[in-house]
Structure formats: C-alpha cells, structure tokens
Amino acid sequence: MPKGLKIVLVLLLPLIILAGAAYGLARMGLLPLDSLVKGKPALRSIFKLVGIKVKAPKVAAPVAAAPDKDPLASEKQALAAQRAAFDQERASWASQQAAAQSAPAPTASAGPAAAALDPRSVARMASVYEQMPTESVTKILARLPDDQVIALLRRMEDKPVAQFLAAVTPERAAKLTEALSRPAPVIPTL
C-alpha cells in the first residue's frame, strides 16, 4: 500500500469514527447541541438536514409584572412591635418618674438617714442592745425610724432579733422582716 494512502487512512479513519460516534450520541439526545447552535440558525438547519433534532430555543413568555413582595416585611413588623412596646415602656417609666418627682419629699428618718449612719457606731449599739432586756430594747427601737432599726437588727445576733420581732406589733414585724430579707445596702466607708 502506498505511503500516502496509509497516512490518509491513519488520519481520516479516527476522524470518521469520532464523527460517527458524535452523530449517534446527538441522534439519541445524549449530546447537548442546544448551546452549540444557540444564535446560529445555519448550523441548526445543517443538523436538521442530517436528521438530528435540536430543540427550538425557548422564548420567554412575557410575564405580568407582579409586585415584588418585600423580603424583610416580617422583620419590619417585628421591629415595629418591639418599638411600640419600647415606647409604651418609656411612657410608663416617664409617668412613674413624674409621679415620684411630684410626691412629697421623704422625711429625715427615711433612706438618707441610713446612708448617713456610721457603721462602727451602729455595730457598737447593736452589741449594747443585744445585752439589754428585750422590753427595754423594744421601747427604744419603737421610737427609731425603720431604716435605723433595720441597720441595728442586721448587726445583732439571731436570738435578740427574734425576741424583738416577737415583742413588736405583727405589722411592724412583717415590715421589718421584709426589709431584712432584702440585701443590705452598701454603705461607703470613709
């Protein structure tokens, strides 16, 4: 066999086999030709002549423009509800502050007196009252304001406190017990 024919057969035979395989795959619909013929009507007509069906390009049907739904609508509603609750709480707080400012000023025996107490003096008096009879302590503490009585009772032993609370009226004992069950205020030391 002549050398030139061998070269032609070696080059053409694989090309023919490859083209036949591509044709078979395209014919079965396994080779996607849609993207290849997109925008090329001449190539589409060649494939049609050879017998390969290529899907017609899809024309997008005009869709009626629907109003876009806000993707953050639910978050906006939640924030609006939180803001309304916050505004309501702020109004309630402002009304409480206004009521507190319009209330009469506290007497000298109220809260500021407890802060003005000397911790060493209170501790000393508490130890003195622990050694006194309950009836005497009851008479003395009955004349003192509640904040001073609470400061003294906090520094006394349990037994004298129990005896004092048993000797006072139930209303005052309940009031003092409630105050004693709360944490003690921090009194700054100098």
C-alpha atoms as a PDB file:
ATOM      1  CA  MET A   1       0.000   0.000   0.000  1.00  0.00           C
ATOM      2  CA  PRO A   2       1.342   3.373  -0.919  1.00  0.00           C
ATOM      3  CA  LYS A   3       2.653   5.512   1.881  1.00  0.00           C
ATOM      4  CA  GLY A   4       0.359   8.464   1.167  1.00  0.00           C
ATOM      5  CA  LEU A   5      -2.732   6.278   1.425  1.00  0.00           C
ATOM      6  CA  LYS A   6      -1.582   4.934   4.757  1.00  0.00           C
ATOM      7  CA  ILE A   7      -1.199   8.465   6.144  1.00  0.00           C
ATOM      8  CA  VAL A   8      -4.660   9.450   4.877  1.00  0.00           C
ATOM      9  CA  LEU A   9      -6.238   6.342   6.363  1.00  0.00           C
ATOM     10  CA  VAL A  10      -4.460   6.817   9.702  1.00  0.00           C
ATOM     11  CA  LEU A  11      -5.673  10.415   9.884  1.00  0.00           C
ATOM     12  CA  LEU A  12      -9.149  10.061   8.391  1.00  0.00           C
ATOM     13  CA  LEU A  13     -10.238   6.816   9.968  1.00  0.00           C
ATOM     14  CA  PRO A  14     -10.198   8.152  13.566  1.00  0.00           C
ATOM     15  CA  LEU A  15     -11.963  11.332  12.410  1.00  0.00           C
ATOM     16  CA  ILE A  16     -14.692   9.318  10.714  1.00  0.00           C
ATOM     17  CA  ILE A  17     -15.140   7.097  13.771  1.00  0.00           C
ATOM     18  CA  LEU A  18     -15.274  10.155  16.053  1.00  0.00           C
ATOM     19  CA  ALA A  19     -17.796  11.933  13.821  1.00  0.00           C
ATOM     20  CA  GLY A  20     -19.958   8.787  13.684  1.00  0.00           C
ATOM     21  CA  ALA A  21     -19.942   8.463  17.475  1.00  0.00           C
ATOM     22  CA  ALA A  22     -20.879  12.128  17.884  1.00  0.00           C
ATOM     23  CA  TYR A  23     -23.661  11.713  15.340  1.00  0.00           C
ATOM     24  CA  GLY A  24     -25.033   8.668  17.138  1.00  0.00           C
ATOM     25  CA  LEU A  25     -24.925  10.389  20.545  1.00  0.00           C
ATOM     26  CA  ALA A  26     -26.570  13.514  19.154  1.00  0.00           C
ATOM     27  CA  ARG A  27     -29.247  11.461  17.467  1.00  0.00           C
ATOM     28  CA  MET A  28     -30.075   9.719  20.764  1.00  0.00           C
ATOM     29  CA  GLY A  29     -30.236  13.074  22.527  1.00  0.00           C
ATOM     30  CA  LEU A  30     -27.271  12.329  24.787  1.00  0.00           C
ATOM     31  CA  LEU A  31     -25.076  15.055  23.322  1.00  0.00           C
ATOM     32  CA  PRO A  32     -26.483  18.521  24.138  1.00  0.00           C
ATOM     33  CA  LEU A  33     -26.382  20.599  20.983  1.00  0.00           C
ATOM     34  CA  ASP A  34     -28.634  23.389  22.228  1.00  0.00           C
ATOM     35  CA  SER A  35     -25.783  25.553  23.438  1.00  0.00           C
ATOM     36  CA  LEU A  36     -23.789  24.864  20.263  1.00  0.00           C
ATOM     37  CA  VAL A  37     -26.499  26.081  17.864  1.00  0.00           C
ATOM     38  CA  LYS A  38     -27.660  28.973  20.021  1.00  0.00           C
ATOM     39  CA  GLY A  39     -27.661  32.084  17.864  1.00  0.00           C
ATOM     40  CA  LYS A  40     -26.521  30.116  14.761  1.00  0.00           C
ATOM     41  CA  PRO A  41     -29.510  29.376  12.545  1.00  0.00           C
ATOM     42  CA  ALA A  42     -27.317  27.997   9.717  1.00  0.00           C
ATOM     43  CA  LEU A  43     -25.858  25.295  11.989  1.00  0.00           C
ATOM     44  CA  ARG A  44     -29.354  24.472  13.206  1.00  0.00           C
ATOM     45  CA  SER A  45     -30.532  23.923   9.614  1.00  0.00           C
ATOM     46  CA  ILE A  46     -27.493  21.680   8.850  1.00  0.00           C
ATOM     47  CA  PHE A  47     -28.284  19.494  11.844  1.00  0.00           C
ATOM     48  CA  LYS A  48     -31.892  19.369  10.706  1.00  0.00           C
ATOM     49  CA  LEU A  49     -30.847  18.194   7.223  1.00  0.00           C
ATOM     50  CA  VAL A  50     -28.674  15.433   8.699  1.00  0.00           C
ATOM     51  CA  GLY A  51     -31.576  14.244  10.854  1.00  0.00           C
ATOM     52  CA  ILE A  52     -30.514  15.496  14.250  1.00  0.00           C
ATOM     53  CA  LYS A  53     -33.264  17.204  16.158  1.00  0.00           C
ATOM     54  CA  VAL A  54     -32.219  20.275  18.047  1.00  0.00           C
ATOM     55  CA  LYS A  55     -34.661  21.762  20.473  1.00  0.00           C
ATOM     56  CA  ALA A  56     -36.090  25.052  19.424  1.00  0.00           C
ATOM     57  CA  PRO A  57     -34.924  27.941  21.530  1.00  0.00           C
ATOM     58  CA  LYS A  58     -37.290  28.810  24.306  1.00  0.00           C
ATOM     59  CA  VAL A  59     -38.833  32.187  24.010  1.00  0.00           C
ATOM     60  CA  ALA A  60     -39.675  33.621  27.361  1.00  0.00           C
ATOM     61  CA  ALA A  61     -43.324  34.413  27.544  1.00  0.00           C
ATOM     62  CA  PRO A  62     -43.979  37.866  28.823  1.00  0.00           C
ATOM     63  CA  VAL A  63     -44.976  37.579  32.447  1.00  0.00           C
ATOM     64  CA  ALA A  64     -47.240  40.092  34.006  1.00  0.00           C
ATOM     65  CA  ALA A  65     -45.155  42.130  36.388  1.00  0.00           C
ATOM     66  CA  ALA A  66     -46.256  41.100  39.840  1.00  0.00           C
ATOM     67  CA  PRO A  67     -45.481  43.484  42.625  1.00  0.00           C
ATOM     68  CA  ASP A  68     -42.338  42.366  44.423  1.00  0.00           C
ATOM     69  CA  LYS A  69     -43.034  41.159  47.900  1.00  0.00           C
ATOM     70  CA  ASP A  70     -40.787  42.782  50.459  1.00  0.00           C
ATOM     71  CA  PRO A  71     -38.491  40.024  51.784  1.00  0.00           C
ATOM     72  CA  LEU A  72     -37.972  41.939  55.025  1.00  0.00           C
ATOM     73  CA  ALA A  73     -41.641  42.588  55.735  1.00  0.00           C
ATOM     74  CA  SER A  74     -41.841  40.182  58.692  1.00  0.00           C
ATOM     75  CA  GLU A  75     -38.661  41.607  60.243  1.00  0.00           C
ATOM     76  CA  LYS A  76     -40.018  45.137  59.817  1.00  0.00           C
ATOM     77  CA  GLN A  77     -43.258  44.145  61.553  1.00  0.00           C
ATOM     78  CA  ALA A  78     -41.336  42.564  64.448  1.00  0.00           C
ATOM     79  CA  LEU A  79     -39.208  45.693  64.825  1.00  0.00           C
ATOM     80  CA  ALA A  80     -42.294  47.891  64.737  1.00  0.00           C
ATOM     81  CA  ALA A  81     -43.892  45.798  67.502  1.00  0.00           C
ATOM     82  CA  GLN A  82     -40.716  45.999  69.591  1.00  0.00           C
ATOM     83  CA  ARG A  83     -40.553  49.756  69.076  1.00  0.00           C
ATOM     84  CA  ALA A  84     -44.184  50.141  70.149  1.00  0.00           C
ATOM     85  CA  ALA A  85     -43.534  48.082  73.294  1.00  0.00           C
ATOM     86  CA  PHE A  86     -40.411  50.115  73.996  1.00  0.00           C
ATOM     87  CA  ASP A  87     -42.281  53.405  73.554  1.00  0.00           C
ATOM     88  CA  GLN A  88     -45.034  52.180  75.869  1.00  0.00           C
ATOM     89  CA  GLU A  89     -42.479  51.151  78.489  1.00  0.00           C
ATOM     90  CA  ARG A  90     -40.722  54.510  78.146  1.00  0.00           C
ATOM     91  CA  ALA A  91     -44.026  56.358  78.633  1.00  0.00           C
ATOM     92  CA  SER A  92     -44.791  54.239  81.704  1.00  0.00           C
ATOM     93  CA  TRP A  93     -41.336  54.933  83.120  1.00  0.00           C
ATOM     94  CA  ALA A  94     -41.693  58.672  82.425  1.00  0.00           C
ATOM     95  CA  SER A  95     -45.059  58.764  84.207  1.00  0.00           C
ATOM     96  CA  GLN A  96     -43.546  56.938  87.201  1.00  0.00           C
ATOM     97  CA  GLN A  97     -40.677  59.427  87.279  1.00  0.00           C
ATOM     98  CA  ALA A  98     -43.110  62.342  87.113  1.00  0.00           C
ATOM     99  CA  ALA A  99     -45.165  60.845  89.947  1.00  0.00           C
ATOM    100  CA  ALA A 100     -42.023  60.324  92.014  1.00  0.00           C
ATOM    101  CA  GLN A 101     -40.959  63.938  91.466  1.00  0.00           C
ATOM    102  CA  SER A 102     -44.358  65.294  92.391  1.00  0.00           C
ATOM    103  CA  ALA A 103     -44.533  63.144  95.555  1.00  0.00           C
ATOM    104  CA  PRO A 104     -43.679  64.859  98.833  1.00  0.00           C
ATOM    105  CA  ALA A 105     -40.025  64.806  99.818  1.00  0.00           C
ATOM    106  CA  PRO A 106     -39.054  61.954 102.158  1.00  0.00           C
ATOM    107  CA  THR A 107     -38.680  62.711 105.796  1.00  0.00           C
ATOM    108  CA  ALA A 108     -35.322  62.901 107.510  1.00  0.00           C
ATOM    109  CA  SER A 109     -35.850  59.440 109.008  1.00  0.00           C
ATOM    110  CA  ALA A 110     -36.155  57.720 105.599  1.00  0.00           C
ATOM    111  CA  GLY A 111     -33.450  56.313 103.298  1.00  0.00           C
ATOM    112  CA  PRO A 112     -30.807  59.067 103.516  1.00  0.00           C
ATOM    113  CA  ALA A 113     -30.514  58.617 107.276  1.00  0.00           C
ATOM    114  CA  ALA A 114     -29.443  55.000 106.840  1.00  0.00           C
ATOM    115  CA  ALA A 115     -26.717  56.035 104.434  1.00  0.00           C
ATOM    116  CA  ALA A 116     -25.544  58.685 106.935  1.00  0.00           C
ATOM    117  CA  LEU A 117     -25.194  56.137 109.764  1.00  0.00           C
ATOM    118  CA  ASP A 118     -21.681  55.395 110.946  1.00  0.00           C
ATOM    119  CA  PRO A 119     -21.125  51.629 110.580  1.00  0.00           C
ATOM    120  CA  ARG A 120     -18.903  51.453 113.676  1.00  0.00           C
ATOM    121  CA  SER A 121     -21.474  53.249 115.820  1.00  0.00           C
ATOM    122  CA  VAL A 122     -24.281  51.019 114.554  1.00  0.00           C
ATOM    123  CA  ALA A 123     -22.236  47.882 115.310  1.00  0.00           C
ATOM    124  CA  ARG A 124     -21.436  49.170 118.806  1.00  0.00           C
ATOM    125  CA  MET A 125     -25.092  49.997 119.545  1.00  0.00           C
ATOM    126  CA  ALA A 126     -26.177  46.590 118.198  1.00  0.00           C
ATOM    127  CA  SER A 127     -23.871  44.844 120.686  1.00  0.00           C
ATOM    128  CA  VAL A 128     -25.218  47.067 123.507  1.00  0.00           C
ATOM    129  CA  TYR A 129     -28.847  46.266 122.593  1.00  0.00           C
ATOM    130  CA  GLU A 130     -28.038  42.540 122.493  1.00  0.00           C
ATOM    131  CA  GLN A 131     -27.085  42.697 126.163  1.00  0.00           C
ATOM    132  CA  MET A 132     -30.201  44.652 127.241  1.00  0.00           C
ATOM    133  CA  PRO A 133     -33.571  43.105 128.183  1.00  0.00           C
ATOM    134  CA  THR A 134     -35.972  42.697 125.282  1.00  0.00           C
ATOM    135  CA  GLU A 135     -38.634  45.002 126.809  1.00  0.00           C
ATOM    136  CA  SER A 136     -36.146  47.899 127.060  1.00  0.00           C
ATOM    137  CA  VAL A 137     -34.837  47.355 123.552  1.00  0.00           C
ATOM    138  CA  THR A 138     -38.411  47.217 122.214  1.00  0.00           C
ATOM    139  CA  LYS A 139     -39.271  50.574 123.828  1.00  0.00           C
ATOM    140  CA  ILE A 140     -36.143  52.220 122.429  1.00  0.00           C
ATOM    141  CA  LEU A 141     -36.406  50.791 118.921  1.00  0.00           C
ATOM    142  CA  ALA A 142     -40.114  51.672 118.750  1.00  0.00           C
ATOM    143  CA  ARG A 143     -39.073  55.354 118.686  1.00  0.00           C
ATOM    144  CA  LEU A 144     -36.436  54.957 115.977  1.00  0.00           C
ATOM    145  CA  PRO A 145     -37.143  55.072 112.237  1.00  0.00           C
ATOM    146  CA  ASP A 146     -37.348  51.736 110.439  1.00  0.00           C
ATOM    147  CA  ASP A 147     -34.126  52.210 108.440  1.00  0.00           C
ATOM    148  CA  GLN A 148     -32.107  52.692 111.634  1.00  0.00           C
ATOM    149  CA  VAL A 149     -33.835  49.727 113.290  1.00  0.00           C
ATOM    150  CA  ILE A 150     -33.051  47.580 110.238  1.00  0.00           C
ATOM    151  CA  ALA A 151     -29.386  48.662 110.309  1.00  0.00           C
ATOM    152  CA  LEU A 152     -29.187  47.692 114.006  1.00  0.00           C
ATOM    153  CA  LEU A 153     -31.023  44.372 113.562  1.00  0.00           C
ATOM    154  CA  ARG A 154     -28.683  43.400 110.699  1.00  0.00           C
ATOM    155  CA  ARG A 155     -25.741  43.601 113.109  1.00  0.00           C
ATOM    156  CA  MET A 156     -27.392  41.816 116.043  1.00  0.00           C
ATOM    157  CA  GLU A 157     -27.342  38.092 116.795  1.00  0.00           C
ATOM    158  CA  ASP A 158     -30.358  35.999 115.738  1.00  0.00           C
ATOM    159  CA  LYS A 159     -31.804  35.359 119.198  1.00  0.00           C
ATOM    160  CA  PRO A 160     -32.160  39.049 120.281  1.00  0.00           C
ATOM    161  CA  VAL A 161     -33.599  39.868 116.831  1.00  0.00           C
ATOM    162  CA  ALA A 162     -36.161  37.076 117.204  1.00  0.00           C
ATOM    163  CA  GLN A 163     -37.124  38.306 120.685  1.00  0.00           C
ATOM    164  CA  PHE A 164     -37.516  41.887 119.414  1.00  0.00           C
ATOM    165  CA  LEU A 165     -39.654  40.837 116.425  1.00  0.00           C
ATOM    166  CA  ALA A 166     -41.845  38.777 118.761  1.00  0.00           C
ATOM    167  CA  ALA A 167     -42.352  41.803 121.039  1.00  0.00           C
ATOM    168  CA  VAL A 168     -43.404  44.357 118.363  1.00  0.00           C
ATOM    169  CA  THR A 169     -46.753  44.510 116.555  1.00  0.00           C
ATOM    170  CA  PRO A 170     -47.235  41.945 113.787  1.00  0.00           C
ATOM    171  CA  GLU A 171     -47.496  44.704 111.160  1.00  0.00           C
ATOM    172  CA  ARG A 172     -44.157  46.245 112.120  1.00  0.00           C
ATOM    173  CA  ALA A 173     -42.543  42.789 112.470  1.00  0.00           C
ATOM    174  CA  ALA A 174     -43.715  41.891 108.949  1.00  0.00           C
ATOM    175  CA  LYS A 175     -42.433  45.188 107.567  1.00  0.00           C
ATOM    176  CA  LEU A 176     -39.037  44.770 109.261  1.00  0.00           C
ATOM    177  CA  THR A 177     -38.803  41.112 108.187  1.00  0.00           C
ATOM    178  CA  GLU A 178     -39.456  42.089 104.584  1.00  0.00           C
ATOM    179  CA  ALA A 179     -36.745  44.744 104.742  1.00  0.00           C
ATOM    180  CA  LEU A 180     -34.293  42.350 106.435  1.00  0.00           C
ATOM    181  CA  SER A 181     -34.844  39.716 103.740  1.00  0.00           C
ATOM    182  CA  ARG A 182     -33.555  42.104 101.066  1.00  0.00           C
ATOM    183  CA  PRO A 183     -29.817  42.538 100.502  1.00  0.00           C
ATOM    184  CA  ALA A 184     -28.192  45.086 102.761  1.00  0.00           C
ATOM    185  CA  PRO A 185     -27.376  48.400 101.066  1.00  0.00           C
ATOM    186  CA  VAL A 186     -23.716  49.111 100.571  1.00  0.00           C
ATOM    187  CA  ILE A 187     -22.614  51.834 102.963  1.00  0.00           C
ATOM    188  CA  PRO A 188     -19.457  53.560 101.783  1.00  0.00           C
ATOM    189  CA  THR A 189     -16.667  53.643 104.324  1.00  0.00           C
ATOM    190  CA  LEU A 190     -14.543  56.719 104.740  1.00  0.00           C
END
